[in-house]
Amino acid sequence: MMNIDPSWDQILSLLESRSELPATFAHWAMTEILEGNTEIEIIKSFLLAMKSKGETSSEVSALVDAMYAKAQLIEIPDRAVDIVGTGGDGLNTITFPPLPRSLLQQQVREQLNMEIGPRPQNLEQQIYYRN
């Protein structure tokens, strides 16, 4: 039996019809994104369609599996704490660790059509999607 990869058109069509993605489609999508084979506009469409439809546990599991498949283990000689926020505040924000503000503003404006909100007290940058 031949394994045929899905296309972005198929994936976006399924999401727009509010259908659940087969795990193989979700895995393929994340792999394409992580390997740099996907244009920013397609990534934006994919993420917004997933959010609009609502992610299922099997879709999230397939996305995570694809991320683990591409992850590289690192050696950390001392104890460490991950201080980067997840953006899971329910306010549709994405958090980034402190970066040079001018670099972040330029990247966000040019590539994602987003803008930076006011600097929060915890020194993380908050990004807001602009409709």
C-alpha atoms as a PDB file:
ATOM      1  CA  MET A   1       0.000   0.000   0.000  1.00  0.00           C
ATOM      2  CA  MET A   2       1.341   3.437  -0.950  1.00  0.00           C
ATOM      3  CA  ASN A   3       1.532   6.219   1.639  1.00  0.00           C
ATOM      4  CA  ILE A   4       0.451   9.535   0.073  1.00  0.00           C
ATOM      5  CA  ASP A   5       1.068  12.754   1.984  1.00  0.00           C
ATOM      6  CA  PRO A   6      -1.841  15.147   2.407  1.00  0.00           C
ATOM      7  CA  SER A   7      -1.761  18.667   0.984  1.00  0.00           C
ATOM      8  CA  TRP A   8      -2.298  21.974   2.724  1.00  0.00           C
ATOM      9  CA  ASP A   9      -5.446  22.441   0.610  1.00  0.00           C
ATOM     10  CA  GLN A  10      -6.863  19.174   1.991  1.00  0.00           C
ATOM     11  CA  ILE A  11      -5.964  20.054   5.568  1.00  0.00           C
ATOM     12  CA  LEU A  12      -7.347  23.587   5.429  1.00  0.00           C
ATOM     13  CA  SER A  13     -10.511  22.360   3.714  1.00  0.00           C
ATOM     14  CA  LEU A  14     -11.116  19.800   6.471  1.00  0.00           C
ATOM     15  CA  LEU A  15     -10.542  22.393   9.188  1.00  0.00           C
ATOM     16  CA  GLU A  16     -12.798  24.952   7.512  1.00  0.00           C
ATOM     17  CA  SER A  17     -15.575  22.320   7.351  1.00  0.00           C
ATOM     18  CA  ARG A  18     -14.976  21.752  11.103  1.00  0.00           C
ATOM     19  CA  SER A  19     -13.900  18.162  10.491  1.00  0.00           C
ATOM     20  CA  GLU A  20     -11.330  16.440  12.662  1.00  0.00           C
ATOM     21  CA  LEU A  21      -7.935  15.971  11.057  1.00  0.00           C
ATOM     22  CA  PRO A  22      -6.697  12.394  10.813  1.00  0.00           C
ATOM     23  CA  ALA A  23      -3.640  12.011  13.033  1.00  0.00           C
ATOM     24  CA  THR A  24      -1.446  11.457   9.969  1.00  0.00           C
ATOM     25  CA  PHE A  25      -2.560  14.820   8.538  1.00  0.00           C
ATOM     26  CA  ALA A  26      -1.875  16.702  11.773  1.00  0.00           C
ATOM     27  CA  HIS A  27       1.544  15.018  12.084  1.00  0.00           C
ATOM     28  CA  TRP A  28       2.388  15.871   8.457  1.00  0.00           C
ATOM     29  CA  ALA A  29       1.348  19.514   8.969  1.00  0.00           C
ATOM     30  CA  MET A  30       3.556  19.999  12.030  1.00  0.00           C
ATOM     31  CA  THR A  31       6.477  18.247  10.349  1.00  0.00           C
ATOM     32  CA  GLU A  32       6.179  20.511   7.295  1.00  0.00           C
ATOM     33  CA  ILE A  33       6.107  23.582   9.543  1.00  0.00           C
ATOM     34  CA  LEU A  34       9.096  22.463  11.638  1.00  0.00           C
ATOM     35  CA  GLU A  35      11.150  21.593   8.568  1.00  0.00           C
ATOM     36  CA  GLY A  36      10.610  25.092   7.166  1.00  0.00           C
ATOM     37  CA  ASN A  37       8.619  23.902   4.164  1.00  0.00           C
ATOM     38  CA  THR A  38       5.567  26.049   4.864  1.00  0.00           C
ATOM     39  CA  GLU A  39       4.953  29.715   4.102  1.00  0.00           C
ATOM     40  CA  ILE A  40       3.912  32.050   6.915  1.00  0.00           C
ATOM     41  CA  GLU A  41       0.475  32.651   5.353  1.00  0.00           C
ATOM     42  CA  ILE A  42      -0.262  28.907   5.333  1.00  0.00           C
ATOM     43  CA  ILE A  43       0.890  28.579   8.949  1.00  0.00           C
ATOM     44  CA  LYS A  44      -1.374  31.472   9.950  1.00  0.00           C
ATOM     45  CA  SER A  45      -4.330  29.920   8.122  1.00  0.00           C
ATOM     46  CA  PHE A  46      -3.664  26.544   9.729  1.00  0.00           C
ATOM     47  CA  LEU A  47      -3.419  27.917  13.270  1.00  0.00           C
ATOM     48  CA  LEU A  48      -6.464  30.139  12.931  1.00  0.00           C
ATOM     49  CA  ALA A  49      -8.526  27.309  11.406  1.00  0.00           C
ATOM     50  CA  MET A  50      -7.469  24.951  14.216  1.00  0.00           C
ATOM     51  CA  LYS A  51      -8.421  27.547  16.831  1.00  0.00           C
ATOM     52  CA  SER A  52     -11.737  28.291  15.127  1.00  0.00           C
ATOM     53  CA  LYS A  53     -12.667  24.610  14.843  1.00  0.00           C
ATOM     54  CA  GLY A  54     -11.287  23.657  18.231  1.00  0.00           C
ATOM     55  CA  GLU A  55      -8.491  21.133  18.639  1.00  0.00           C
ATOM     56  CA  THR A  56      -9.245  17.524  19.507  1.00  0.00           C
ATOM     57  CA  SER A  57      -7.044  15.485  21.800  1.00  0.00           C
ATOM     58  CA  SER A  58      -5.976  13.214  18.915  1.00  0.00           C
ATOM     59  CA  GLU A  59      -4.970  16.237  16.795  1.00  0.00           C
ATOM     60  CA  VAL A  60      -2.943  17.711  19.649  1.00  0.00           C
ATOM     61  CA  SER A  61      -1.349  14.325  20.306  1.00  0.00           C
ATOM     62  CA  ALA A  62      -0.291  14.029  16.651  1.00  0.00           C
ATOM     63  CA  LEU A  63       1.115  17.590  16.658  1.00  0.00           C
ATOM     64  CA  VAL A  64       3.098  16.852  19.831  1.00  0.00           C
ATOM     65  CA  ASP A  65       4.359  13.548  18.398  1.00  0.00           C
ATOM     66  CA  ALA A  66       5.688  15.440  15.370  1.00  0.00           C
ATOM     67  CA  MET A  67       7.424  17.969  17.634  1.00  0.00           C
ATOM     68  CA  TYR A  68       9.031  15.187  19.669  1.00  0.00           C
ATOM     69  CA  ALA A  69      10.201  13.506  16.467  1.00  0.00           C
ATOM     70  CA  LYS A  70      12.086  16.713  15.542  1.00  0.00           C
ATOM     71  CA  ALA A  71      13.280  17.603  19.046  1.00  0.00           C
ATOM     72  CA  GLN A  72      16.944  17.372  19.950  1.00  0.00           C
ATOM     73  CA  LEU A  73      18.058  16.460  23.425  1.00  0.00           C
ATOM     74  CA  ILE A  74      20.374  18.918  25.123  1.00  0.00           C
ATOM     75  CA  GLU A  75      22.739  18.426  28.024  1.00  0.00           C
ATOM     76  CA  ILE A  76      22.248  20.839  30.898  1.00  0.00           C
ATOM     77  CA  PRO A  77      25.002  20.410  33.492  1.00  0.00           C
ATOM     78  CA  ASP A  78      23.216  22.349  36.240  1.00  0.00           C
ATOM     79  CA  ARG A  79      19.658  22.612  37.444  1.00  0.00           C
ATOM     80  CA  ALA A  80      17.468  24.794  35.241  1.00  0.00           C
ATOM     81  CA  VAL A  81      13.975  26.261  35.219  1.00  0.00           C
ATOM     82  CA  ASP A  82      11.989  27.068  32.087  1.00  0.00           C
ATOM     83  CA  ILE A  83      10.834  30.670  32.536  1.00  0.00           C
ATOM     84  CA  VAL A  84       9.064  31.107  29.195  1.00  0.00           C
ATOM     85  CA  GLY A  85       5.278  31.489  29.418  1.00  0.00           C
ATOM     86  CA  THR A  86       2.884  29.427  27.339  1.00  0.00           C
ATOM     87  CA  GLY A  87       0.346  32.103  26.453  1.00  0.00           C
ATOM     88  CA  GLY A  88      -2.382  30.021  28.047  1.00  0.00           C
ATOM     89  CA  ASP A  89      -3.984  32.975  29.792  1.00  0.00           C
ATOM     90  CA  GLY A  90      -7.288  32.778  27.891  1.00  0.00           C
ATOM     91  CA  LEU A  91      -6.747  36.265  26.462  1.00  0.00           C
ATOM     92  CA  ASN A  92      -5.501  35.111  23.023  1.00  0.00           C
ATOM     93  CA  THR A  93      -1.960  36.229  23.783  1.00  0.00           C
ATOM     94  CA  ILE A  94       1.291  34.573  22.850  1.00  0.00           C
ATOM     95  CA  THR A  95       4.220  35.126  25.187  1.00  0.00           C
ATOM     96  CA  PHE A  96       7.846  35.353  24.218  1.00  0.00           C
ATOM     97  CA  PRO A  97      10.900  35.511  26.445  1.00  0.00           C
ATOM     98  CA  PRO A  98      12.501  38.911  26.668  1.00  0.00           C
ATOM     99  CA  LEU A  99      13.996  39.693  23.274  1.00  0.00           C
ATOM    100  CA  PRO A 100      15.343  42.953  21.919  1.00  0.00           C
ATOM    101  CA  ARG A 101      12.054  44.829  21.535  1.00  0.00           C
ATOM    102  CA  SER A 102      12.985  46.401  18.191  1.00  0.00           C
ATOM    103  CA  LEU A 103      13.812  43.003  16.669  1.00  0.00           C
ATOM    104  CA  LEU A 104      10.578  41.479  17.920  1.00  0.00           C
ATOM    105  CA  GLN A 105       8.479  44.420  16.688  1.00  0.00           C
ATOM    106  CA  GLN A 106       9.988  44.230  13.194  1.00  0.00           C
ATOM    107  CA  GLN A 107       9.526  40.438  12.917  1.00  0.00           C
ATOM    108  CA  VAL A 108       5.956  40.598  14.168  1.00  0.00           C
ATOM    109  CA  ARG A 109       4.888  43.452  11.910  1.00  0.00           C
ATOM    110  CA  GLU A 110       6.514  42.113   8.747  1.00  0.00           C
ATOM    111  CA  GLN A 111       5.764  38.407   8.992  1.00  0.00           C
ATOM    112  CA  LEU A 112       2.748  37.863  11.198  1.00  0.00           C
ATOM    113  CA  ASN A 113       0.628  41.021  10.823  1.00  0.00           C
ATOM    114  CA  MET A 114       0.539  41.268  14.599  1.00  0.00           C
ATOM    115  CA  GLU A 115       1.431  43.977  17.028  1.00  0.00           C
ATOM    116  CA  ILE A 116       3.119  44.114  20.413  1.00  0.00           C
ATOM    117  CA  GLY A 117       0.958  45.026  23.374  1.00  0.00           C
ATOM    118  CA  PRO A 118       2.190  46.980  26.387  1.00  0.00           C
ATOM    119  CA  ARG A 119       5.111  45.447  28.262  1.00  0.00           C
ATOM    120  CA  PRO A 120       3.646  43.447  31.153  1.00  0.00           C
ATOM    121  CA  GLN A 121       5.052  43.515  34.669  1.00  0.00           C
ATOM    122  CA  ASN A 122       6.662  40.058  34.325  1.00  0.00           C
ATOM    123  CA  LEU A 123       8.980  41.295  31.516  1.00  0.00           C
ATOM    124  CA  GLU A 124       7.624  38.899  28.884  1.00  0.00           C
ATOM    125  CA  GLN A 125       6.492  40.316  25.568  1.00  0.00           C
ATOM    126  CA  GLN A 126       2.781  39.884  24.770  1.00  0.00           C
ATOM    127  CA  ILE A 127       1.660  39.713  21.171  1.00  0.00           C
ATOM    128  CA  TYR A 128      -1.919  40.367  20.112  1.00  0.00           C
ATOM    129  CA  TYR A 129      -3.426  39.179  16.830  1.00  0.00           C
ATOM    130  CA  ARG A 130      -4.830  42.093  14.835  1.00  0.00           C
ATOM    131  CA  ASN A 131      -7.962  41.203  12.818  1.00  0.00           C
END
